[in-house]
């Protein structure tokens, strides 16, 4: 199995886990925050989806369409993430801002539809990855210049990274078997 097919398969499994988990939450639980500055389950989902659609997959498309740069390298943090194959198991706190903090308004049906759309989009993109030159790169604000395969990998790594946060939120909400 090719690397891109393995990443796609892992991502589809993760998306399936997130879809299945949506059935555990009442509307109130989906939006309940453990603290005013902490995200709800719904905000975690919105964050994952917004990041995938508006950052990661856009960067893949930019590399594919020739808009990526041919110079630049990963930062030390970027090298570490790709060496590990995951984000470090730490909480990454970003100060709340209107542009970064996800809205706490999306409902289960909307999240489910967006997860399905993401599954379709990554499935359509995966076969294109092999034809995208590796030297086409788009800068990530923290990880440095990444190529299309690296951006595609980030979608899976990001979903996997937030599983622990989802488990912590499930414990806060008193959801068993999460």
N, C-alpha and C. Protein backbone atom coordinates (compact mmCIF):
# COMPACT_ATOMS: atom_id res chain seq x y z
N UNK A 1 0.86 -1.18 0.00
CA UNK A 1 0.00 0.00 0.00
C UNK A 1 0.90 1.24 0.00
N UNK A 2 0.55 2.20 -0.84
CA UNK A 2 1.35 3.43 -0.91
C UNK A 2 1.17 4.25 0.37
N UNK A 3 2.12 5.14 0.59
CA UNK A 3 2.05 6.00 1.77
C UNK A 3 0.78 6.85 1.77
N UNK A 4 0.43 7.38 0.60
CA UNK A 4 -0.76 8.24 0.55
C UNK A 4 -2.03 7.45 0.80
N UNK A 5 -2.09 6.22 0.31
CA UNK A 5 -3.27 5.38 0.57
C UNK A 5 -3.37 5.02 2.05
N UNK A 6 -2.22 4.77 2.68
CA UNK A 6 -2.21 4.47 4.12
C UNK A 6 -2.69 5.67 4.92
N UNK A 7 -2.21 6.86 4.56
CA UNK A 7 -2.64 8.08 5.25
C UNK A 7 -4.14 8.27 5.07
N UNK A 8 -4.62 8.09 3.83
CA UNK A 8 -6.04 8.22 3.56
C UNK A 8 -6.85 7.22 4.37
N UNK A 9 -6.41 5.98 4.40
CA UNK A 9 -7.13 4.95 5.16
C UNK A 9 -7.17 5.31 6.65
N UNK A 10 -6.05 5.74 7.21
CA UNK A 10 -6.01 6.15 8.62
C UNK A 10 -6.93 7.33 8.87
N UNK A 11 -6.93 8.29 7.94
CA UNK A 11 -7.78 9.47 8.10
C UNK A 11 -9.25 9.10 8.01
N UNK A 12 -9.60 8.23 7.08
CA UNK A 12 -11.00 7.80 6.97
C UNK A 12 -11.46 7.09 8.24
N UNK A 13 -10.59 6.30 8.84
CA UNK A 13 -10.93 5.64 10.12
C UNK A 13 -11.14 6.68 11.22
N UNK A 14 -10.27 7.67 11.27
CA UNK A 14 -10.41 8.72 12.28
C UNK A 14 -11.70 9.51 12.08
N UNK A 15 -11.99 9.88 10.83
CA UNK A 15 -13.22 10.61 10.55
C UNK A 15 -14.42 9.77 10.98
N UNK A 16 -14.35 8.47 10.72
CA UNK A 16 -15.42 7.57 11.16
C UNK A 16 -15.58 7.57 12.67
N UNK A 17 -14.47 7.58 13.40
CA UNK A 17 -14.53 7.67 14.87
C UNK A 17 -15.21 8.96 15.31
N UNK A 18 -14.83 10.06 14.69
CA UNK A 18 -15.44 11.34 15.05
C UNK A 18 -16.92 11.35 14.70
N UNK A 19 -17.28 10.76 13.55
CA UNK A 19 -18.71 10.70 13.17
C UNK A 19 -19.49 9.87 14.18
N UNK A 20 -18.95 8.72 14.54
CA UNK A 20 -19.63 7.85 15.51
C UNK A 20 -19.79 8.55 16.85
N UNK A 21 -18.76 9.26 17.27
CA UNK A 21 -18.81 9.95 18.56
C UNK A 21 -19.89 11.02 18.59
N UNK A 22 -20.19 11.62 17.45
CA UNK A 22 -21.22 12.67 17.42
C UNK A 22 -22.55 12.17 17.96
N UNK A 23 -22.83 10.88 17.81
CA UNK A 23 -24.07 10.30 18.30
C UNK A 23 -24.16 10.26 19.81
N UNK A 24 -23.06 10.48 20.50
CA UNK A 24 -23.05 10.44 21.97
C UNK A 24 -23.49 11.75 22.61
N UNK A 25 -23.50 12.84 21.85
CA UNK A 25 -23.67 14.17 22.45
C UNK A 25 -25.08 14.71 22.26
N UNK A 26 -25.63 15.19 23.36
CA UNK A 26 -26.87 15.97 23.27
C UNK A 26 -26.48 17.35 22.76
N UNK A 27 -27.44 18.14 22.26
CA UNK A 27 -27.09 19.51 21.83
C UNK A 27 -26.42 20.31 22.95
N UNK A 28 -26.87 20.13 24.17
CA UNK A 28 -26.28 20.87 25.30
C UNK A 28 -24.84 20.41 25.54
N UNK A 29 -24.60 19.10 25.49
CA UNK A 29 -23.25 18.57 25.72
C UNK A 29 -22.28 19.02 24.61
N UNK A 30 -22.78 19.08 23.40
CA UNK A 30 -21.94 19.48 22.26
C UNK A 30 -21.35 20.87 22.48
N UNK A 31 -22.09 21.73 23.17
CA UNK A 31 -21.68 23.13 23.33
C UNK A 31 -21.16 23.48 24.74
N UNK A 32 -21.22 22.54 25.68
CA UNK A 32 -20.79 22.85 27.05
C UNK A 32 -19.27 22.93 27.13
N UNK A 33 -18.79 24.02 27.71
CA UNK A 33 -17.36 24.25 27.86
C UNK A 33 -16.94 23.98 29.31
N UNK A 34 -15.82 23.31 29.51
CA UNK A 34 -15.35 23.05 30.87
C UNK A 34 -14.96 24.32 31.63
N UNK A 35 -14.60 25.35 30.89
CA UNK A 35 -14.23 26.65 31.46
C UNK A 35 -14.47 27.68 30.36
N UNK A 36 -14.62 28.96 30.73
CA UNK A 36 -14.92 29.97 29.70
C UNK A 36 -13.89 30.03 28.56
N UNK A 37 -12.63 29.77 28.86
CA UNK A 37 -11.60 29.85 27.82
C UNK A 37 -11.35 28.49 27.14
N UNK A 38 -11.98 27.44 27.62
CA UNK A 38 -11.79 26.09 27.06
C UNK A 38 -12.83 25.82 25.98
N UNK A 39 -12.45 24.98 25.04
CA UNK A 39 -13.34 24.66 23.93
C UNK A 39 -14.31 23.55 24.30
N UNK A 40 -15.50 23.61 23.70
CA UNK A 40 -16.48 22.54 23.78
C UNK A 40 -16.13 21.47 22.74
N UNK A 41 -16.82 20.34 22.81
CA UNK A 41 -16.64 19.30 21.79
C UNK A 41 -16.96 19.87 20.41
N UNK A 42 -18.04 20.62 20.32
CA UNK A 42 -18.42 21.22 19.03
C UNK A 42 -17.34 22.13 18.48
N UNK A 43 -16.70 22.88 19.36
CA UNK A 43 -15.62 23.76 18.92
C UNK A 43 -14.41 22.97 18.42
N UNK A 44 -14.12 21.84 19.06
CA UNK A 44 -13.02 21.00 18.59
C UNK A 44 -13.31 20.51 17.17
N UNK A 45 -14.53 20.02 16.95
CA UNK A 45 -14.91 19.56 15.62
C UNK A 45 -14.82 20.70 14.60
N UNK A 46 -15.35 21.86 14.96
CA UNK A 46 -15.31 23.01 14.04
C UNK A 46 -13.87 23.38 13.73
N UNK A 47 -13.01 23.37 14.74
CA UNK A 47 -11.59 23.67 14.55
C UNK A 47 -10.95 22.67 13.57
N UNK A 48 -11.18 21.39 13.79
CA UNK A 48 -10.60 20.37 12.91
C UNK A 48 -11.05 20.56 11.47
N UNK A 49 -12.34 20.78 11.29
CA UNK A 49 -12.89 20.92 9.94
C UNK A 49 -12.43 22.22 9.28
N UNK A 50 -12.47 23.31 10.02
CA UNK A 50 -12.02 24.59 9.45
C UNK A 50 -10.55 24.51 9.05
N UNK A 51 -9.73 23.91 9.89
CA UNK A 51 -8.31 23.79 9.60
C UNK A 51 -8.08 22.92 8.37
N UNK A 52 -8.80 21.81 8.28
CA UNK A 52 -8.65 20.92 7.12
C UNK A 52 -9.06 21.63 5.83
N UNK A 53 -10.24 22.25 5.83
CA UNK A 53 -10.74 22.86 4.59
C UNK A 53 -10.04 24.17 4.24
N UNK A 54 -9.78 25.01 5.23
CA UNK A 54 -9.31 26.37 4.94
C UNK A 54 -7.81 26.54 5.02
N UNK A 55 -7.11 25.54 5.53
CA UNK A 55 -5.66 25.66 5.61
C UNK A 55 -4.97 24.47 4.92
N UNK A 56 -5.19 23.28 5.45
CA UNK A 56 -4.44 22.12 4.98
C UNK A 56 -4.77 21.75 3.53
N UNK A 57 -6.04 21.59 3.20
CA UNK A 57 -6.38 21.20 1.83
C UNK A 57 -6.17 22.34 0.84
N UNK A 58 -6.29 23.58 1.30
CA UNK A 58 -5.95 24.73 0.44
C UNK A 58 -4.47 24.71 0.08
N UNK A 59 -3.65 24.35 1.06
CA UNK A 59 -2.21 24.29 0.80
C UNK A 59 -1.88 23.16 -0.18
N UNK A 60 -2.55 22.01 -0.05
CA UNK A 60 -2.36 20.93 -1.02
C UNK A 60 -2.72 21.44 -2.42
N UNK A 61 -3.85 22.12 -2.53
CA UNK A 61 -4.30 22.65 -3.83
C UNK A 61 -3.30 23.67 -4.37
N UNK A 62 -2.75 24.51 -3.50
CA UNK A 62 -1.77 25.50 -3.95
C UNK A 62 -0.53 24.80 -4.50
N UNK A 63 -0.08 23.75 -3.85
CA UNK A 63 1.05 22.98 -4.35
C UNK A 63 0.70 22.34 -5.70
N UNK A 64 -0.48 21.76 -5.79
CA UNK A 64 -0.93 21.10 -7.02
C UNK A 64 -1.02 22.09 -8.17
N UNK A 65 -1.55 23.29 -7.89
CA UNK A 65 -1.81 24.27 -8.93
C UNK A 65 -0.59 25.13 -9.27
N UNK A 66 0.55 24.83 -8.66
CA UNK A 66 1.77 25.55 -8.98
C UNK A 66 1.97 26.84 -8.21
N UNK A 67 1.10 27.10 -7.24
CA UNK A 67 1.23 28.33 -6.46
C UNK A 67 2.24 28.18 -5.33
N UNK A 68 2.68 26.96 -5.06
CA UNK A 68 3.65 26.75 -4.00
C UNK A 68 5.02 27.25 -4.39
N UNK A 69 5.81 27.59 -3.42
CA UNK A 69 7.17 28.08 -3.65
C UNK A 69 8.12 26.90 -3.79
N UNK A 70 9.26 27.11 -4.43
CA UNK A 70 10.22 26.02 -4.59
C UNK A 70 11.35 26.09 -3.57
N UNK A 71 11.34 27.13 -2.77
CA UNK A 71 12.38 27.23 -1.75
C UNK A 71 11.73 27.15 -0.37
N UNK A 72 12.56 27.16 0.64
CA UNK A 72 12.06 27.09 2.01
C UNK A 72 12.19 25.69 2.56
N UNK A 73 12.21 25.61 3.86
CA UNK A 73 12.39 24.33 4.53
C UNK A 73 11.50 24.29 5.77
N UNK A 74 11.42 23.11 6.32
CA UNK A 74 10.68 22.97 7.57
C UNK A 74 11.47 23.64 8.70
N UNK A 75 10.75 24.09 9.69
CA UNK A 75 11.39 24.59 10.90
C UNK A 75 11.84 23.38 11.74
N UNK A 76 12.52 23.65 12.82
CA UNK A 76 12.92 22.58 13.74
C UNK A 76 11.67 21.85 14.26
N UNK A 77 10.62 22.62 14.58
CA UNK A 77 9.37 22.01 15.04
C UNK A 77 8.77 21.15 13.94
N UNK A 78 8.81 21.62 12.70
CA UNK A 78 8.29 20.85 11.57
C UNK A 78 9.06 19.55 11.38
N UNK A 79 10.38 19.64 11.46
CA UNK A 79 11.20 18.42 11.34
C UNK A 79 10.83 17.42 12.42
N UNK A 80 10.63 17.90 13.64
CA UNK A 80 10.29 17.02 14.76
C UNK A 80 8.93 16.35 14.55
N UNK A 81 7.94 17.12 14.12
CA UNK A 81 6.60 16.56 13.90
C UNK A 81 6.64 15.46 12.85
N UNK A 82 7.35 15.68 11.75
CA UNK A 82 7.38 14.67 10.70
C UNK A 82 8.30 13.51 11.03
N UNK A 83 9.30 13.73 11.86
CA UNK A 83 10.13 12.62 12.33
C UNK A 83 9.31 11.71 13.23
N UNK A 84 8.50 12.32 14.13
CA UNK A 84 7.63 11.55 15.03
C UNK A 84 6.42 10.96 14.32
N UNK A 85 5.98 11.62 13.26
CA UNK A 85 4.76 11.21 12.57
C UNK A 85 3.52 11.66 13.31
N UNK A 86 3.70 12.62 14.22
CA UNK A 86 2.56 13.15 14.99
C UNK A 86 2.97 14.42 15.70
N UNK A 87 1.95 15.13 16.17
CA UNK A 87 2.21 16.28 17.03
C UNK A 87 2.61 15.75 18.39
N UNK A 88 3.42 16.48 19.14
CA UNK A 88 3.78 16.01 20.47
C UNK A 88 2.53 15.92 21.35
N UNK A 89 2.50 14.99 22.29
CA UNK A 89 1.31 14.80 23.13
C UNK A 89 1.19 15.87 24.22
N UNK A 90 1.16 17.10 23.79
CA UNK A 90 1.03 18.21 24.73
C UNK A 90 -0.13 19.09 24.29
N UNK A 91 -0.64 19.86 25.24
CA UNK A 91 -1.69 20.82 24.90
C UNK A 91 -1.01 22.04 24.30
N UNK A 92 -1.54 22.48 23.19
CA UNK A 92 -1.01 23.67 22.54
C UNK A 92 -2.05 24.77 22.74
N UNK A 93 -1.76 25.66 23.65
CA UNK A 93 -2.71 26.72 23.97
C UNK A 93 -2.41 27.94 23.11
N UNK A 94 -3.45 28.41 22.45
CA UNK A 94 -3.37 29.63 21.65
C UNK A 94 -4.31 30.62 22.30
N UNK A 95 -3.86 31.85 22.54
CA UNK A 95 -4.76 32.82 23.16
C UNK A 95 -6.04 32.98 22.35
N UNK A 96 -7.19 33.08 23.01
CA UNK A 96 -8.45 33.21 22.27
C UNK A 96 -8.48 34.49 21.44
N UNK A 97 -8.88 34.32 20.18
CA UNK A 97 -9.06 35.47 19.29
C UNK A 97 -10.29 35.20 18.43
N UNK A 98 -10.84 36.25 17.87
CA UNK A 98 -12.01 36.09 17.00
C UNK A 98 -11.68 35.27 15.76
N UNK A 99 -10.46 35.34 15.29
CA UNK A 99 -10.11 34.62 14.06
C UNK A 99 -9.73 33.17 14.34
N UNK A 100 -9.17 32.86 15.51
CA UNK A 100 -8.72 31.50 15.77
C UNK A 100 -9.74 30.67 16.54
N UNK A 101 -10.37 31.26 17.53
CA UNK A 101 -11.30 30.50 18.37
C UNK A 101 -12.54 30.14 17.55
N UNK A 102 -12.83 28.82 17.44
CA UNK A 102 -13.99 28.44 16.64
C UNK A 102 -15.31 28.83 17.30
N UNK A 103 -16.30 29.10 16.48
CA UNK A 103 -17.64 29.40 16.98
C UNK A 103 -18.17 28.18 17.73
N UNK A 104 -19.02 28.43 18.69
CA UNK A 104 -19.60 27.35 19.49
C UNK A 104 -21.08 27.21 19.12
N UNK A 105 -21.35 27.21 17.82
CA UNK A 105 -22.74 27.24 17.35
C UNK A 105 -23.11 26.10 16.42
N UNK A 106 -22.13 25.37 15.92
CA UNK A 106 -22.44 24.35 14.91
C UNK A 106 -23.15 23.16 15.56
N UNK A 107 -24.14 22.62 14.86
CA UNK A 107 -24.94 21.51 15.37
C UNK A 107 -24.46 20.18 14.78
N UNK A 108 -24.93 19.08 15.36
CA UNK A 108 -24.50 17.74 14.97
C UNK A 108 -24.69 17.50 13.48
N UNK A 109 -25.85 17.83 12.94
CA UNK A 109 -26.10 17.56 11.51
C UNK A 109 -25.11 18.29 10.61
N UNK A 110 -24.81 19.52 10.95
CA UNK A 110 -23.85 20.30 10.17
C UNK A 110 -22.45 19.68 10.27
N UNK A 111 -22.04 19.31 11.47
CA UNK A 111 -20.72 18.70 11.66
C UNK A 111 -20.64 17.38 10.91
N UNK A 112 -21.69 16.58 10.99
CA UNK A 112 -21.71 15.28 10.29
C UNK A 112 -21.59 15.49 8.77
N UNK A 113 -22.32 16.46 8.24
CA UNK A 113 -22.26 16.74 6.80
C UNK A 113 -20.86 17.22 6.39
N UNK A 114 -20.25 18.03 7.22
CA UNK A 114 -18.90 18.52 6.90
C UNK A 114 -17.86 17.41 6.99
N UNK A 115 -18.03 16.47 7.93
CA UNK A 115 -17.13 15.32 8.00
C UNK A 115 -17.26 14.46 6.74
N UNK A 116 -18.48 14.26 6.28
CA UNK A 116 -18.70 13.51 5.04
C UNK A 116 -18.07 14.22 3.85
N UNK A 117 -18.22 15.53 3.80
CA UNK A 117 -17.61 16.31 2.71
C UNK A 117 -16.09 16.19 2.76
N UNK A 118 -15.52 16.24 3.96
CA UNK A 118 -14.08 16.09 4.10
C UNK A 118 -13.63 14.72 3.61
N UNK A 119 -14.37 13.69 3.98
CA UNK A 119 -14.02 12.34 3.54
C UNK A 119 -14.00 12.26 2.01
N UNK A 120 -14.99 12.86 1.38
CA UNK A 120 -15.04 12.86 -0.08
C UNK A 120 -13.87 13.65 -0.68
N UNK A 121 -13.56 14.79 -0.10
CA UNK A 121 -12.48 15.63 -0.65
C UNK A 121 -11.12 14.98 -0.51
N UNK A 122 -10.83 14.39 0.65
CA UNK A 122 -9.52 13.76 0.80
C UNK A 122 -9.41 12.53 -0.09
N UNK A 123 -10.55 11.83 -0.30
CA UNK A 123 -10.56 10.70 -1.22
C UNK A 123 -10.28 11.12 -2.65
N UNK A 124 -10.76 12.29 -3.03
CA UNK A 124 -10.53 12.80 -4.39
C UNK A 124 -9.11 13.34 -4.55
N UNK A 125 -8.54 13.87 -3.48
CA UNK A 125 -7.20 14.47 -3.55
C UNK A 125 -6.10 13.42 -3.54
N UNK A 126 -6.29 12.35 -2.79
CA UNK A 126 -5.22 11.36 -2.61
C UNK A 126 -4.61 10.87 -3.92
N UNK A 127 -5.41 10.52 -4.96
CA UNK A 127 -4.79 10.04 -6.20
C UNK A 127 -3.97 11.12 -6.93
N UNK A 128 -4.19 12.37 -6.63
CA UNK A 128 -3.47 13.46 -7.29
C UNK A 128 -2.09 13.71 -6.69
N UNK A 129 -1.87 13.25 -5.46
CA UNK A 129 -0.66 13.61 -4.72
C UNK A 129 0.63 13.17 -5.42
N UNK A 130 0.63 11.99 -6.01
CA UNK A 130 1.86 11.47 -6.64
C UNK A 130 2.34 12.36 -7.78
N UNK A 131 1.43 13.09 -8.42
CA UNK A 131 1.81 13.93 -9.56
C UNK A 131 2.26 15.34 -9.15
N UNK A 132 2.16 15.68 -7.88
CA UNK A 132 2.53 17.03 -7.43
C UNK A 132 4.02 17.05 -7.09
N UNK A 133 4.80 17.88 -7.77
CA UNK A 133 6.24 17.93 -7.48
C UNK A 133 6.51 18.23 -6.00
N UNK A 134 7.47 17.46 -5.46
CA UNK A 134 7.80 17.59 -4.03
C UNK A 134 8.39 18.95 -3.68
N UNK A 135 8.95 19.65 -4.68
CA UNK A 135 9.58 20.93 -4.36
C UNK A 135 8.58 22.08 -4.31
N UNK A 136 7.33 21.83 -4.59
CA UNK A 136 6.31 22.87 -4.42
C UNK A 136 5.89 22.87 -2.96
N UNK A 137 6.12 23.98 -2.31
CA UNK A 137 5.88 24.06 -0.87
C UNK A 137 5.05 25.28 -0.53
N UNK A 138 4.29 25.15 0.54
CA UNK A 138 3.50 26.26 1.08
C UNK A 138 3.87 26.37 2.55
N UNK A 139 4.18 27.59 3.02
CA UNK A 139 4.61 27.72 4.41
C UNK A 139 3.47 27.51 5.41
N UNK A 140 3.80 26.79 6.46
CA UNK A 140 2.93 26.62 7.63
C UNK A 140 3.45 27.60 8.68
N UNK A 141 2.57 28.26 9.43
CA UNK A 141 3.05 29.28 10.37
C UNK A 141 4.02 28.78 11.44
N UNK A 142 3.97 27.52 11.78
CA UNK A 142 4.84 27.01 12.83
C UNK A 142 5.81 25.93 12.34
N UNK A 143 5.42 25.21 11.29
CA UNK A 143 6.20 24.05 10.87
C UNK A 143 7.11 24.33 9.67
N UNK A 144 6.96 25.50 9.05
CA UNK A 144 7.81 25.85 7.92
C UNK A 144 7.20 25.42 6.60
N UNK A 145 8.03 25.39 5.56
CA UNK A 145 7.57 25.10 4.20
C UNK A 145 7.31 23.61 4.05
N UNK A 146 6.06 23.27 3.69
CA UNK A 146 5.64 21.87 3.55
C UNK A 146 5.16 21.61 2.13
N UNK A 147 5.41 20.39 1.65
CA UNK A 147 4.92 20.01 0.33
C UNK A 147 3.52 19.42 0.45
N UNK A 148 2.92 19.06 -0.68
CA UNK A 148 1.53 18.60 -0.70
C UNK A 148 1.32 17.35 0.16
N UNK A 149 2.25 16.40 0.07
CA UNK A 149 2.12 15.18 0.86
C UNK A 149 2.18 15.50 2.36
N UNK A 150 3.05 16.40 2.73
CA UNK A 150 3.16 16.77 4.15
C UNK A 150 1.90 17.47 4.63
N UNK A 151 1.33 18.36 3.82
CA UNK A 151 0.07 19.02 4.18
C UNK A 151 -1.05 17.99 4.31
N UNK A 152 -1.10 17.04 3.38
CA UNK A 152 -2.11 15.98 3.42
C UNK A 152 -1.94 15.16 4.71
N UNK A 153 -0.70 14.84 5.06
CA UNK A 153 -0.41 14.08 6.28
C UNK A 153 -0.88 14.84 7.52
N UNK A 154 -0.76 16.16 7.47
CA UNK A 154 -1.16 16.97 8.63
C UNK A 154 -2.64 16.83 8.96
N UNK A 155 -3.48 16.62 7.96
CA UNK A 155 -4.91 16.46 8.23
C UNK A 155 -5.10 15.27 9.17
N UNK A 156 -4.48 14.14 8.83
CA UNK A 156 -4.60 12.94 9.67
C UNK A 156 -3.96 13.16 11.04
N UNK A 157 -2.76 13.74 11.06
CA UNK A 157 -2.08 13.98 12.33
C UNK A 157 -2.89 14.90 13.25
N UNK A 158 -3.51 15.91 12.67
CA UNK A 158 -4.29 16.88 13.44
C UNK A 158 -5.53 16.22 14.05
N UNK A 159 -6.24 15.42 13.26
CA UNK A 159 -7.40 14.70 13.79
C UNK A 159 -6.97 13.75 14.91
N UNK A 160 -5.87 13.05 14.71
CA UNK A 160 -5.37 12.12 15.73
C UNK A 160 -4.95 12.88 17.00
N UNK A 161 -4.31 14.02 16.83
CA UNK A 161 -3.85 14.83 17.96
C UNK A 161 -5.01 15.24 18.87
N UNK A 162 -6.16 15.55 18.28
CA UNK A 162 -7.29 16.04 19.08
C UNK A 162 -8.13 14.93 19.71
N UNK A 163 -7.81 13.66 19.47
CA UNK A 163 -8.54 12.57 20.11
C UNK A 163 -8.44 12.64 21.64
N UNK A 164 -7.25 12.96 22.13
CA UNK A 164 -7.07 13.04 23.59
C UNK A 164 -7.93 14.16 24.18
N UNK A 165 -8.01 15.27 23.49
CA UNK A 165 -8.85 16.38 23.95
C UNK A 165 -10.32 15.95 23.96
N UNK A 166 -10.72 15.22 22.95
CA UNK A 166 -12.10 14.74 22.90
C UNK A 166 -12.36 13.79 24.08
N UNK A 167 -11.41 12.92 24.40
CA UNK A 167 -11.56 12.01 25.54
C UNK A 167 -11.68 12.78 26.85
N UNK A 168 -10.88 13.84 26.99
CA UNK A 168 -10.95 14.67 28.20
C UNK A 168 -12.31 15.36 28.30
N UNK A 169 -12.82 15.83 27.18
CA UNK A 169 -14.14 16.48 27.17
C UNK A 169 -15.24 15.46 27.48
N UNK A 170 -15.11 14.23 26.95
CA UNK A 170 -16.08 13.19 27.26
C UNK A 170 -16.10 12.90 28.76
N UNK A 171 -14.92 12.85 29.39
CA UNK A 171 -14.86 12.63 30.84
C UNK A 171 -15.52 13.80 31.58
N UNK A 172 -15.26 15.02 31.15
CA UNK A 172 -15.90 16.20 31.75
C UNK A 172 -17.42 16.10 31.62
N UNK A 173 -17.90 15.61 30.50
CA UNK A 173 -19.35 15.52 30.26
C UNK A 173 -19.97 14.28 30.89
N UNK A 174 -19.13 13.39 31.45
CA UNK A 174 -19.63 12.18 32.09
C UNK A 174 -20.08 11.12 31.10
N UNK A 175 -19.49 11.14 29.92
CA UNK A 175 -19.84 10.16 28.89
C UNK A 175 -18.96 8.94 29.08
N UNK A 176 -19.61 7.78 29.26
CA UNK A 176 -18.90 6.53 29.49
C UNK A 176 -18.54 5.85 28.18
N UNK A 177 -17.50 5.04 28.21
CA UNK A 177 -17.13 4.24 27.06
C UNK A 177 -16.54 5.03 25.93
N UNK A 178 -16.07 6.22 26.21
CA UNK A 178 -15.51 7.07 25.16
C UNK A 178 -14.09 6.69 24.88
